[in-house]
PDB file of all heavy atoms in Angstrom:
ATOM      1  N   ALA A   1     186.092  67.228 171.393  1.00  0.00           N
ATOM      2  CA  ALA A   1     185.190  68.373 171.568  1.00  0.00           C
ATOM      3  C   ALA A   1     183.866  67.971 170.997  1.00  0.00           C
ATOM      4  O   ALA A   1     183.703  67.793 169.779  1.00  0.00           O
ATOM      5  CB  ALA A   1     185.709  69.600 170.840  1.00  0.00           C
ATOM      6  N   ASP A   2     182.860  67.719 171.850  1.00  0.00           N
ATOM      7  CA  ASP A   2     181.538  67.321 171.404  1.00  0.00           C
ATOM      8  C   ASP A   2     180.857  68.434 170.665  1.00  0.00           C
ATOM      9  O   ASP A   2     180.798  69.557 171.146  1.00  0.00           O
ATOM     10  CB  ASP A   2     180.686  66.912 172.622  1.00  0.00           C
ATOM     11  CG  ASP A   2     181.175  65.677 173.332  1.00  0.00           C
ATOM     12  OD1 ASP A   2     181.945  64.947 172.711  1.00  0.00           O
ATOM     13  OD2 ASP A   2     180.737  65.454 174.456  1.00  0.00           O
ATOM     14  N   ARG A   3     180.364  68.145 169.496  1.00  0.00           N
ATOM     15  CA  ARG A   3     179.638  69.107 168.683  1.00  0.00           C
ATOM     16  C   ARG A   3     178.208  68.679 168.491  1.00  0.00           C
ATOM     17  O   ARG A   3     177.956  67.513 168.214  1.00  0.00           O
ATOM     18  CB  ARG A   3     180.323  69.360 167.352  1.00  0.00           C
ATOM     19  CG  ARG A   3     181.672  69.978 167.471  1.00  0.00           C
ATOM     20  CD  ARG A   3     182.348  70.023 166.121  1.00  0.00           C
ATOM     21  NE  ARG A   3     181.679  70.952 165.221  1.00  0.00           N
ATOM     22  CZ  ARG A   3     182.038  72.197 164.981  1.00  0.00           C
ATOM     23  NH1 ARG A   3     183.057  72.699 165.598  1.00  0.00           N
ATOM     24  NH2 ARG A   3     181.344  72.955 164.155  1.00  0.00           N
ATOM     25  N   VAL A   4     177.289  69.647 168.557  1.00  0.00           N
ATOM     26  CA  VAL A   4     175.880  69.343 168.402  1.00  0.00           C
ATOM     27  C   VAL A   4     175.322  70.391 167.477  1.00  0.00           C
ATOM     28  O   VAL A   4     175.581  71.588 167.571  1.00  0.00           O
ATOM     29  CB  VAL A   4     175.131  69.469 169.780  1.00  0.00           C
ATOM     30  CG1 VAL A   4     173.607  69.345 169.607  1.00  0.00           C
ATOM     31  CG2 VAL A   4     175.659  68.463 170.718  1.00  0.00           C
ATOM     32  N   LEU A   5     174.504  69.943 166.533  1.00  0.00           N
ATOM     33  CA  LEU A   5     173.721  70.810 165.650  1.00  0.00           C
ATOM     34  C   LEU A   5     172.327  70.830 166.279  1.00  0.00           C
ATOM     35  O   LEU A   5     171.619  69.826 166.293  1.00  0.00           O
ATOM     36  CB  LEU A   5     173.679  70.313 164.213  1.00  0.00           C
ATOM     37  CG  LEU A   5     172.784  71.117 163.257  1.00  0.00           C
ATOM     38  CD1 LEU A   5     173.302  72.556 163.131  1.00  0.00           C
ATOM     39  CD2 LEU A   5     172.765  70.466 161.885  1.00  0.00           C
ATOM     40  N   ALA A   6     171.974  71.974 166.794  1.00  0.00           N
ATOM     41  CA  ALA A   6     170.679  72.129 167.464  1.00  0.00           C
ATOM     42  C   ALA A   6     169.837  73.166 166.751  1.00  0.00           C
ATOM     43  O   ALA A   6     170.351  74.114 166.194  1.00  0.00           O
ATOM     44  CB  ALA A   6     170.883  72.554 168.950  1.00  0.00           C
ATOM     45  N   GLU A   7     168.508  72.936 166.765  1.00  0.00           N
ATOM     46  CA  GLU A   7     167.591  73.868 166.176  1.00  0.00           C
ATOM     47  C   GLU A   7     166.696  74.400 167.275  1.00  0.00           C
ATOM     48  O   GLU A   7     166.017  73.649 167.993  1.00  0.00           O
ATOM     49  CB  GLU A   7     166.726  73.156 165.061  1.00  0.00           C
ATOM     50  CG  GLU A   7     165.827  74.091 164.320  1.00  0.00           C
ATOM     51  CD  GLU A   7     165.110  73.354 163.224  1.00  0.00           C
ATOM     52  OE1 GLU A   7     164.183  72.621 163.570  1.00  0.00           O
ATOM     53  OE2 GLU A   7     165.513  73.494 162.054  1.00  0.00           O
ATOM     54  N   LEU A   8     166.678  75.721 167.439  1.00  0.00           N
ATOM     55  CA  LEU A   8     165.830  76.355 168.422  1.00  0.00           C
ATOM     56  C   LEU A   8     164.830  77.265 167.725  1.00  0.00           C
ATOM     57  O   LEU A   8     165.216  78.306 167.226  1.00  0.00           O
ATOM     58  CB  LEU A   8     166.663  77.217 169.412  1.00  0.00           C
ATOM     59  CG  LEU A   8     167.725  76.530 170.223  1.00  0.00           C
ATOM     60  CD1 LEU A   8     168.453  77.501 171.126  1.00  0.00           C
ATOM     61  CD2 LEU A   8     167.150  75.392 171.010  1.00  0.00           C
ATOM     62  N   GLY A   9     163.600  76.824 167.687  1.00  0.00           N
ATOM     63  CA  GLY A   9     162.553  77.667 167.060  1.00  0.00           C
ATOM     64  C   GLY A   9     162.850  77.993 165.614  1.00  0.00           C
ATOM     65  O   GLY A   9     162.521  79.059 165.148  1.00  0.00           O
ATOM     66  N   GLY A  10     163.475  77.124 164.863  1.00  0.00           N
ATOM     67  CA  GLY A  10     163.776  77.299 163.443  1.00  0.00           C
ATOM     68  C   GLY A  10     165.166  77.796 163.170  1.00  0.00           C
ATOM     69  O   GLY A  10     165.607  77.689 162.043  1.00  0.00           O
ATOM     70  N   ALA A  11     165.855  78.347 164.129  1.00  0.00           N
ATOM     71  CA  ALA A  11     167.221  78.774 163.926  1.00  0.00           C
ATOM     72  C   ALA A  11     168.207  77.678 164.301  1.00  0.00           C
ATOM     73  O   ALA A  11     168.049  77.071 165.346  1.00  0.00           O
ATOM     74  CB  ALA A  11     167.538  80.041 164.743  1.00  0.00           C
ATOM     75  N   ARG A  12     169.203  77.437 163.473  1.00  0.00           N
ATOM     76  CA  ARG A  12     170.148  76.346 163.671  1.00  0.00           C
ATOM     77  C   ARG A  12     171.440  76.905 164.273  1.00  0.00           C
ATOM     78  O   ARG A  12     171.972  77.901 163.813  1.00  0.00           O
ATOM     79  CB  ARG A  12     170.441  75.578 162.417  1.00  0.00           C
ATOM     80  CG  ARG A  12     169.263  74.780 161.953  1.00  0.00           C
ATOM     81  CD  ARG A  12     169.608  73.980 160.767  1.00  0.00           C
ATOM     82  NE  ARG A  12     168.397  73.156 160.426  1.00  0.00           N
ATOM     83  CZ  ARG A  12     168.416  72.172 159.559  1.00  0.00           C
ATOM     84  NH1 ARG A  12     169.564  71.871 158.981  1.00  0.00           N
ATOM     85  NH2 ARG A  12     167.324  71.527 159.332  1.00  0.00           N
ATOM     86  N   TYR A  13     171.908  76.247 165.325  1.00  0.00           N
ATOM     87  CA  TYR A  13     173.135  76.583 166.005  1.00  0.00           C
ATOM     88  C   TYR A  13     174.052  75.413 166.112  1.00  0.00           C
ATOM     89  O   TYR A  13     173.598  74.277 166.315  1.00  0.00           O
ATOM     90  CB  TYR A  13     172.865  77.098 167.411  1.00  0.00           C
ATOM     91  CG  TYR A  13     172.002  78.355 167.470  1.00  0.00           C
ATOM     92  CD1 TYR A  13     170.626  78.251 167.568  1.00  0.00           C
ATOM     93  CD2 TYR A  13     172.573  79.648 167.403  1.00  0.00           C
ATOM     94  CE1 TYR A  13     169.835  79.389 167.617  1.00  0.00           C
ATOM     95  CE2 TYR A  13     171.781  80.762 167.442  1.00  0.00           C
ATOM     96  CZ  TYR A  13     170.394  80.616 167.560  1.00  0.00           C
ATOM     97  OH  TYR A  13     169.616  81.746 167.580  1.00  0.00           O
ATOM     98  N   VAL A  14     175.392  75.627 166.020  1.00  0.00           N
ATOM     99  CA  VAL A  14     176.356  74.548 166.300  1.00  0.00           C
ATOM    100  C   VAL A  14     176.920  74.872 167.674  1.00  0.00           C
ATOM    101  O   VAL A  14     177.439  75.966 167.902  1.00  0.00           O
ATOM    102  CB  VAL A  14     177.495  74.547 165.239  1.00  0.00           C
ATOM    103  CG1 VAL A  14     178.541  73.542 165.605  1.00  0.00           C
ATOM    104  CG2 VAL A  14     176.934  74.259 163.878  1.00  0.00           C
ATOM    105  N   LEU A  15     176.778  73.895 168.576  1.00  0.00           N
ATOM    106  CA  LEU A  15     177.248  74.035 169.952  1.00  0.00           C
ATOM    107  C   LEU A  15     178.431  73.110 170.100  1.00  0.00           C
ATOM    108  O   LEU A  15     178.374  71.908 169.846  1.00  0.00           O
ATOM    109  CB  LEU A  15     176.175  73.653 170.941  1.00  0.00           C
ATOM    110  CG  LEU A  15     174.798  74.324 170.737  1.00  0.00           C
ATOM    111  CD1 LEU A  15     173.782  73.695 171.707  1.00  0.00           C
ATOM    112  CD2 LEU A  15     174.875  75.780 170.876  1.00  0.00           C
ATOM    113  N   THR A  16     179.574  73.634 170.553  1.00  0.00           N
ATOM    114  CA  THR A  16     180.758  72.856 170.791  1.00  0.00           C
ATOM    115  C   THR A  16     181.037  72.820 172.279  1.00  0.00           C
ATOM    116  O   THR A  16     181.418  73.819 172.858  1.00  0.00           O
ATOM    117  CB  THR A  16     181.996  73.351 170.025  1.00  0.00           C
ATOM    118  OG1 THR A  16     181.641  73.525 168.668  1.00  0.00           O
ATOM    119  CG2 THR A  16     183.169  72.426 170.185  1.00  0.00           C
ATOM    120  N   PHE A  17     180.846  71.640 172.896  1.00  0.00           N
ATOM    121  CA  PHE A  17     181.042  71.449 174.334  1.00  0.00           C
ATOM    122  C   PHE A  17     182.466  70.984 174.536  1.00  0.00           C
ATOM    123  O   PHE A  17     182.960  70.177 173.796  1.00  0.00           O
ATOM    124  CB  PHE A  17     180.075  70.384 174.892  1.00  0.00           C
ATOM    125  CG  PHE A  17     178.633  70.773 174.781  1.00  0.00           C
ATOM    126  CD1 PHE A  17     177.861  70.351 173.719  1.00  0.00           C
ATOM    127  CD2 PHE A  17     178.033  71.500 175.807  1.00  0.00           C
ATOM    128  CE1 PHE A  17     176.527  70.668 173.659  1.00  0.00           C
ATOM    129  CE2 PHE A  17     176.692  71.866 175.743  1.00  0.00           C
ATOM    130  CZ  PHE A  17     175.945  71.427 174.671  1.00  0.00           C
ATOM    131  N   GLY A  18     183.092  71.489 175.564  1.00  0.00           N
ATOM    132  CA  GLY A  18     184.427  71.032 175.897  1.00  0.00           C
ATOM    133  C   GLY A  18     185.502  71.362 174.894  1.00  0.00           C
ATOM    134  O   GLY A  18     186.433  70.628 174.679  1.00  0.00           O
ATOM    135  N   ASP A  19     185.332  72.517 174.226  1.00  0.00           N
ATOM    136  CA  ASP A  19     186.276  72.970 173.245  1.00  0.00           C
ATOM    137  C   ASP A  19     187.564  73.377 173.954  1.00  0.00           C
ATOM    138  O   ASP A  19     187.566  74.354 174.702  1.00  0.00           O
ATOM    139  CB  ASP A  19     185.706  74.146 172.468  1.00  0.00           C
ATOM    140  CG  ASP A  19     186.556  74.618 171.321  1.00  0.00           C
ATOM    141  OD1 ASP A  19     187.549  73.870 171.008  1.00  0.00           O
ATOM    142  OD2 ASP A  19     186.267  75.651 170.731  1.00  0.00           O
ATOM    143  N   GLU A  20     188.630  72.655 173.754  1.00  0.00           N
ATOM    144  CA  GLU A  20     189.863  72.932 174.501  1.00  0.00           C
ATOM    145  C   GLU A  20     190.505  74.242 173.982  1.00  0.00           C
ATOM    146  O   GLU A  20     191.273  74.832 174.718  1.00  0.00           O
ATOM    147  CB  GLU A  20     190.838  71.753 174.317  1.00  0.00           C
ATOM    148  CG  GLU A  20     190.318  70.525 174.995  1.00  0.00           C
ATOM    149  CD  GLU A  20     191.275  69.361 174.896  1.00  0.00           C
ATOM    150  OE1 GLU A  20     192.362  69.545 174.337  1.00  0.00           O
ATOM    151  OE2 GLU A  20     190.937  68.292 175.359  1.00  0.00           O
ATOM    152  N   ASP A  21     190.157  74.698 172.807  1.00  0.00           N
ATOM    153  CA  ASP A  21     190.689  75.946 172.297  1.00  0.00           C
ATOM    154  C   ASP A  21     190.130  77.144 173.094  1.00  0.00           C
ATOM    155  O   ASP A  21     190.793  78.185 173.169  1.00  0.00           O
ATOM    156  CB  ASP A  21     190.418  76.128 170.837  1.00  0.00           C
ATOM    157  CG  ASP A  21     191.115  75.117 169.978  1.00  0.00           C
ATOM    158  OD1 ASP A  21     192.147  74.570 170.430  1.00  0.00           O
ATOM    159  OD2 ASP A  21     190.635  74.800 168.850  1.00  0.00           O
ATOM    160  N   ALA A  22     188.976  76.985 173.585  1.00  0.00           N
ATOM    161  CA  ALA A  22     188.301  78.110 174.322  1.00  0.00           C
ATOM    162  C   ALA A  22     189.005  78.380 175.619  1.00  0.00           C
ATOM    163  O   ALA A  22     189.013  79.529 176.085  1.00  0.00           O
ATOM    164  CB  ALA A  22     186.816  77.831 174.547  1.00  0.00           C
ATOM    165  N   GLY A  23     189.622  77.351 176.269  1.00  0.00           N
ATOM    166  CA  GLY A  23     190.385  77.565 177.476  1.00  0.00           C
ATOM    167  C   GLY A  23     189.536  77.856 178.693  1.00  0.00           C
ATOM    168  O   GLY A  23     190.022  78.502 179.612  1.00  0.00           O
ATOM    169  N   HIS A  24     188.280  77.496 178.697  1.00  0.00           N
ATOM    170  CA  HIS A  24     187.415  77.808 179.836  1.00  0.00           C
ATOM    171  C   HIS A  24     187.043  76.588 180.653  1.00  0.00           C
ATOM    172  O   HIS A  24     186.083  76.604 181.364  1.00  0.00           O
ATOM    173  CB  HIS A  24     186.162  78.540 179.378  1.00  0.00           C
ATOM    174  CG  HIS A  24     186.529  79.868 178.801  1.00  0.00           C
ATOM    175  ND1 HIS A  24     186.874  80.956 179.532  1.00  0.00           N
ATOM    176  CD2 HIS A  24     186.538  80.259 177.460  1.00  0.00           C
ATOM    177  CE1 HIS A  24     187.101  81.985 178.715  1.00  0.00           C
ATOM    178  NE2 HIS A  24     186.927  81.564 177.462  1.00  0.00           N
ATOM    179  N   GLY A  25     187.691  75.464 180.441  1.00  0.00           N
ATOM    180  CA  GLY A  25     187.470  74.291 181.234  1.00  0.00           C
ATOM    181  C   GLY A  25     186.312  73.507 180.664  1.00  0.00           C
ATOM    182  O   GLY A  25     185.610  73.857 179.749  1.00  0.00           O
ATOM    183  N   PRO A  26     186.116  72.314 181.263  1.00  0.00           N
ATOM    184  CA  PRO A  26     185.052  71.415 180.802  1.00  0.00           C
ATOM    185  C   PRO A  26     183.671  71.963 181.197  1.00  0.00           C
ATOM    186  O   PRO A  26     183.530  72.701 182.136  1.00  0.00           O
ATOM    187  CB  PRO A  26     185.361  70.077 181.513  1.00  0.00           C
ATOM    188  CG  PRO A  26     186.094  70.492 182.741  1.00  0.00           C
ATOM    189  CD  PRO A  26     186.855  71.749 182.363  1.00  0.00           C
ATOM    190  N   PRO A  27     182.631  71.504 180.454  1.00  0.00           N
ATOM    191  CA  PRO A  27     181.275  71.947 180.826  1.00  0.00           C
ATOM    192  C   PRO A  27     180.872  71.346 182.176  1.00  0.00           C
ATOM    193  O   PRO A  27     181.397  70.315 182.584  1.00  0.00           O
ATOM    194  CB  PRO A  27     180.423  71.368 179.714  1.00  0.00           C
ATOM    195  CG  PRO A  27     181.364  70.963 178.639  1.00  0.00           C
ATOM    196  CD  PRO A  27     182.688  70.768 179.255  1.00  0.00           C
ATOM    197  N   ARG A  28     179.994  72.003 182.836  1.00  0.00           N
ATOM    198  CA  ARG A  28     179.488  71.464 184.111  1.00  0.00           C
ATOM    199  C   ARG A  28     178.020  71.256 183.970  1.00  0.00           C
ATOM    200  O   ARG A  28     177.343  71.867 183.184  1.00  0.00           O
ATOM    201  CB  ARG A  28     179.795  72.425 185.239  1.00  0.00           C
ATOM    202  CG  ARG A  28     179.159  73.785 185.087  1.00  0.00           C
ATOM    203  CD  ARG A  28     179.678  74.714 186.196  1.00  0.00           C
ATOM    204  NE  ARG A  28     179.346  76.062 185.906  1.00  0.00           N
ATOM    205  CZ  ARG A  28     178.213  76.634 186.287  1.00  0.00           C
ATOM    206  NH1 ARG A  28     177.335  75.979 186.981  1.00  0.00           N
ATOM    207  NH2 ARG A  28     177.935  77.874 185.954  1.00  0.00           N
ATOM    208  N   ARG A  29     177.536  70.337 184.801  1.00  0.00           N
ATOM    209  CA  ARG A  29     176.091  69.986 184.786  1.00  0.00           C
ATOM    210  C   ARG A  29     175.550  70.043 186.158  1.00  0.00           C
ATOM    211  O   ARG A  29     176.198  69.541 187.107  1.00  0.00           O
ATOM    212  CB  ARG A  29     175.976  68.550 184.219  1.00  0.00           C
ATOM    213  CG  ARG A  29     174.548  68.019 184.287  1.00  0.00           C
ATOM    214  CD  ARG A  29     174.419  66.833 183.327  1.00  0.00           C
ATOM    215  NE  ARG A  29     173.356  65.897 183.676  1.00  0.00           N
ATOM    216  CZ  ARG A  29     172.083  66.190 183.657  1.00  0.00           C
ATOM    217  NH1 ARG A  29     171.661  67.383 183.422  1.00  0.00           N
ATOM    218  NH2 ARG A  29     171.200  65.262 183.937  1.00  0.00           N
ATOM    219  N   ARG A  30     174.411  70.687 186.318  1.00  0.00           N
ATOM    220  CA  ARG A  30     173.780  70.783 187.619  1.00  0.00           C
ATOM    221  C   ARG A  30     172.601  69.833 187.716  1.00  0.00           C
ATOM    222  O   ARG A  30     171.876  69.663 186.742  1.00  0.00           O
ATOM    223  CB  ARG A  30     173.248  72.198 187.882  1.00  0.00           C
ATOM    224  CG  ARG A  30     174.304  73.224 188.023  1.00  0.00           C
ATOM    225  CD  ARG A  30     173.635  74.507 188.441  1.00  0.00           C
ATOM    226  NE  ARG A  30     174.542  75.586 188.094  1.00  0.00           N
ATOM    227  CZ  ARG A  30     174.219  76.745 187.606  1.00  0.00           C
ATOM    228  NH1 ARG A  30     172.972  77.010 187.413  1.00  0.00           N
ATOM    229  NH2 ARG A  30     175.052  77.685 187.334  1.00  0.00           N
ATOM    230  N   GLY A  31     172.358  69.267 188.869  1.00  0.00           N
ATOM    231  CA  GLY A  31     171.237  68.375 189.040  1.00  0.00           C
ATOM    232  C   GLY A  31     171.444  67.055 188.408  1.00  0.00           C
ATOM    233  O   GLY A  31     172.101  66.917 187.374  1.00  0.00           O
ATOM    234  N   GLY A  32     170.912  66.022 188.961  1.00  0.00           N
ATOM    235  CA  GLY A  32     171.058  64.686 188.372  1.00  0.00           C
ATOM    236  C   GLY A  32     172.502  64.243 188.338  1.00  0.00           C
ATOM    237  O   GLY A  32     173.289  64.558 189.219  1.00  0.00           O
ATOM    238  N   ARG A  33     172.834  63.543 187.268  1.00  0.00           N
ATOM    239  CA  ARG A  33     174.205  63.060 187.142  1.00  0.00           C
ATOM    240  C   ARG A  33     175.137  64.176 186.615  1.00  0.00           C
ATOM    241  O   ARG A  33     174.681  65.038 185.868  1.00  0.00           O
ATOM    242  CB  ARG A  33     174.263  61.867 186.176  1.00  0.00           C
ATOM    243  CG  ARG A  33     173.464  60.719 186.733  1.00  0.00           C
ATOM    244  CD  ARG A  33     173.614  59.474 185.936  1.00  0.00           C
ATOM    245  NE  ARG A  33     173.458  59.752 184.512  1.00  0.00           N
ATOM    246  CZ  ARG A  33     173.479  58.785 183.636  1.00  0.00           C
ATOM    247  NH1 ARG A  33     173.628  57.552 183.962  1.00  0.00           N
ATOM    248  NH2 ARG A  33     173.322  59.050 182.329  1.00  0.00           N
ATOM    249  N   ARG A  34     176.351  64.082 186.935  1.00  0.00           N
ATOM    250  CA  ARG A  34     177.342  65.074 186.476  1.00  0.00           C
ATOM    251  C   ARG A  34     177.806  64.702 185.047  1.00  0.00           C
ATOM    252  O   ARG A  34     177.781  63.530 184.681  1.00  0.00           O
ATOM    253  CB  ARG A  34     178.516  65.140 187.429  1.00  0.00           C
ATOM    254  CG  ARG A  34     178.026  65.621 188.862  1.00  0.00           C
ATOM    255  CD  ARG A  34     179.170  65.965 189.701  1.00  0.00           C
ATOM    256  NE  ARG A  34     180.031  67.022 189.213  1.00  0.00           N
ATOM    257  CZ  ARG A  34     179.748  68.308 189.207  1.00  0.00           C
ATOM    258  NH1 ARG A  34     178.639  68.714 189.766  1.00  0.00           N
ATOM    259  NH2 ARG A  34     180.597  69.197 188.746  1.00  0.00           N
ATOM    260  N   ALA A  35     178.253  65.693 184.340  1.00  0.00           N
ATOM    261  CA  ALA A  35     178.652  65.433 182.942  1.00  0.00           C
ATOM    262  C   ALA A  35     179.854  64.478 182.857  1.00  0.00           C
ATOM    263  O   ALA A  35     179.999  63.776 181.883  1.00  0.00           O
ATOM    264  CB  ALA A  35     179.046  66.764 182.266  1.00  0.00           C
ATOM    265  N   GLY A  36     180.674  64.406 183.859  1.00  0.00           N
ATOM    266  CA  GLY A  36     181.817  63.555 183.840  1.00  0.00           C
ATOM    267  C   GLY A  36     181.538  62.136 184.341  1.00  0.00           C
ATOM    268  O   GLY A  36     182.413  61.304 184.409  1.00  0.00           O
ATOM    269  N   ALA A  37     180.277  61.813 184.553  1.00  0.00           N
ATOM    270  CA  ALA A  37     179.905  60.487 185.057  1.00  0.00           C
ATOM    271  C   ALA A  37     179.562  59.505 183.948  1.00  0.00           C
ATOM    272  O   ALA A  37     178.608  58.770 184.050  1.00  0.00           O
ATOM    273  CB  ALA A  37     178.739  60.648 186.055  1.00  0.00           C
ATOM    274  N   GLY A  38     180.370  59.491 182.890  1.00  0.00           N
ATOM    275  CA  GLY A  38     180.161  58.495 181.834  1.00  0.00           C
ATOM    276  C   GLY A  38     179.492  59.041 180.591  1.00  0.00           C
ATOM    277  O   GLY A  38     179.675  58.503 179.527  1.00  0.00           O
ATOM    278  N   ASP A  39     178.701  60.076 180.701  1.00  0.00           N
ATOM    279  CA  ASP A  39     178.006  60.620 179.545  1.00  0.00           C
ATOM    280  C   ASP A  39     178.718  61.881 179.077  1.00  0.00           C
ATOM    281  O   ASP A  39     179.164  62.664 179.873  1.00  0.00           O
ATOM    282  CB  ASP A  39     176.547  60.958 179.887  1.00  0.00           C
ATOM    283  CG  ASP A  39     175.664  59.756 180.024  1.00  0.00           C
ATOM    284  OD1 ASP A  39     176.050  58.718 179.483  1.00  0.00           O
ATOM    285  OD2 ASP A  39     174.616  59.852 180.708  1.00  0.00           O
ATOM    286  N   SER A  40     178.781  62.074 177.776  1.00  0.00           N
ATOM    287  CA  SER A  40     179.337  63.304 177.221  1.00  0.00           C
ATOM    288  C   SER A  40     178.381  64.449 177.455  1.00  0.00           C
ATOM    289  O   SER A  40     177.169  64.227 177.595  1.00  0.00           O
ATOM    290  CB  SER A  40     179.690  63.118 175.764  1.00  0.00           C
ATOM    291  OG  SER A  40     178.498  63.044 175.008  1.00  0.00           O
ATOM    292  N   PRO A  41     178.862  65.683 177.421  1.00  0.00           N
ATOM    293  CA  PRO A  41     177.981  66.826 177.633  1.00  0.00           C
ATOM    294  C   PRO A  41     176.921  66.869 176.522  1.00  0.00           C
ATOM    295  O   PRO A  41     175.775  67.270 176.781  1.00  0.00           O
ATOM    296  CB  PRO A  41     178.896  68.035 177.550  1.00  0.00           C
ATOM    297  CG  PRO A  41     180.237  67.499 177.922  1.00  0.00           C
ATOM    298  CD  PRO A  41     180.276  66.078 177.437  1.00  0.00           C
ATOM    299  N   SER A  42     177.250  66.501 175.306  1.00  0.00           N
ATOM    300  CA  SER A  42     176.244  66.614 174.233  1.00  0.00           C
ATOM    301  C   SER A  42     175.125  65.566 174.437  1.00  0.00           C
ATOM    302  O   SER A  42     173.980  65.831 174.166  1.00  0.00           O
ATOM    303  CB  SER A  42     176.885  66.393 172.870  1.00  0.00           C
ATOM    304  OG  SER A  42     177.596  65.153 172.797  1.00  0.00           O
ATOM    305  N   VAL A  43     175.456  64.402 174.934  1.00  0.00           N
ATOM    306  CA  VAL A  43     174.449  63.394 175.265  1.00  0.00           C
ATOM    307  C   VAL A  43     173.565  63.887 176.400  1.00  0.00           C
ATOM    308  O   VAL A  43     172.321  63.745 176.348  1.00  0.00           O
ATOM    309  CB  VAL A  43     175.076  62.040 175.618  1.00  0.00           C
ATOM    310  CG1 VAL A  43     174.020  61.064 176.116  1.00  0.00           C
ATOM    311  CG2 VAL A  43     175.786  61.476 174.386  1.00  0.00           C
TER     312      VAL A  43
END
């Protein structure tokens, strides 16, 4: 489960991509390369 600590305008958020506990499937990416094409969603 890829985790990212991101700061948006001063507020910090932890984003967990591909969390298997959520049960909503893998993240998807539109445009360009797809998330499953070698790069993790957080990258």
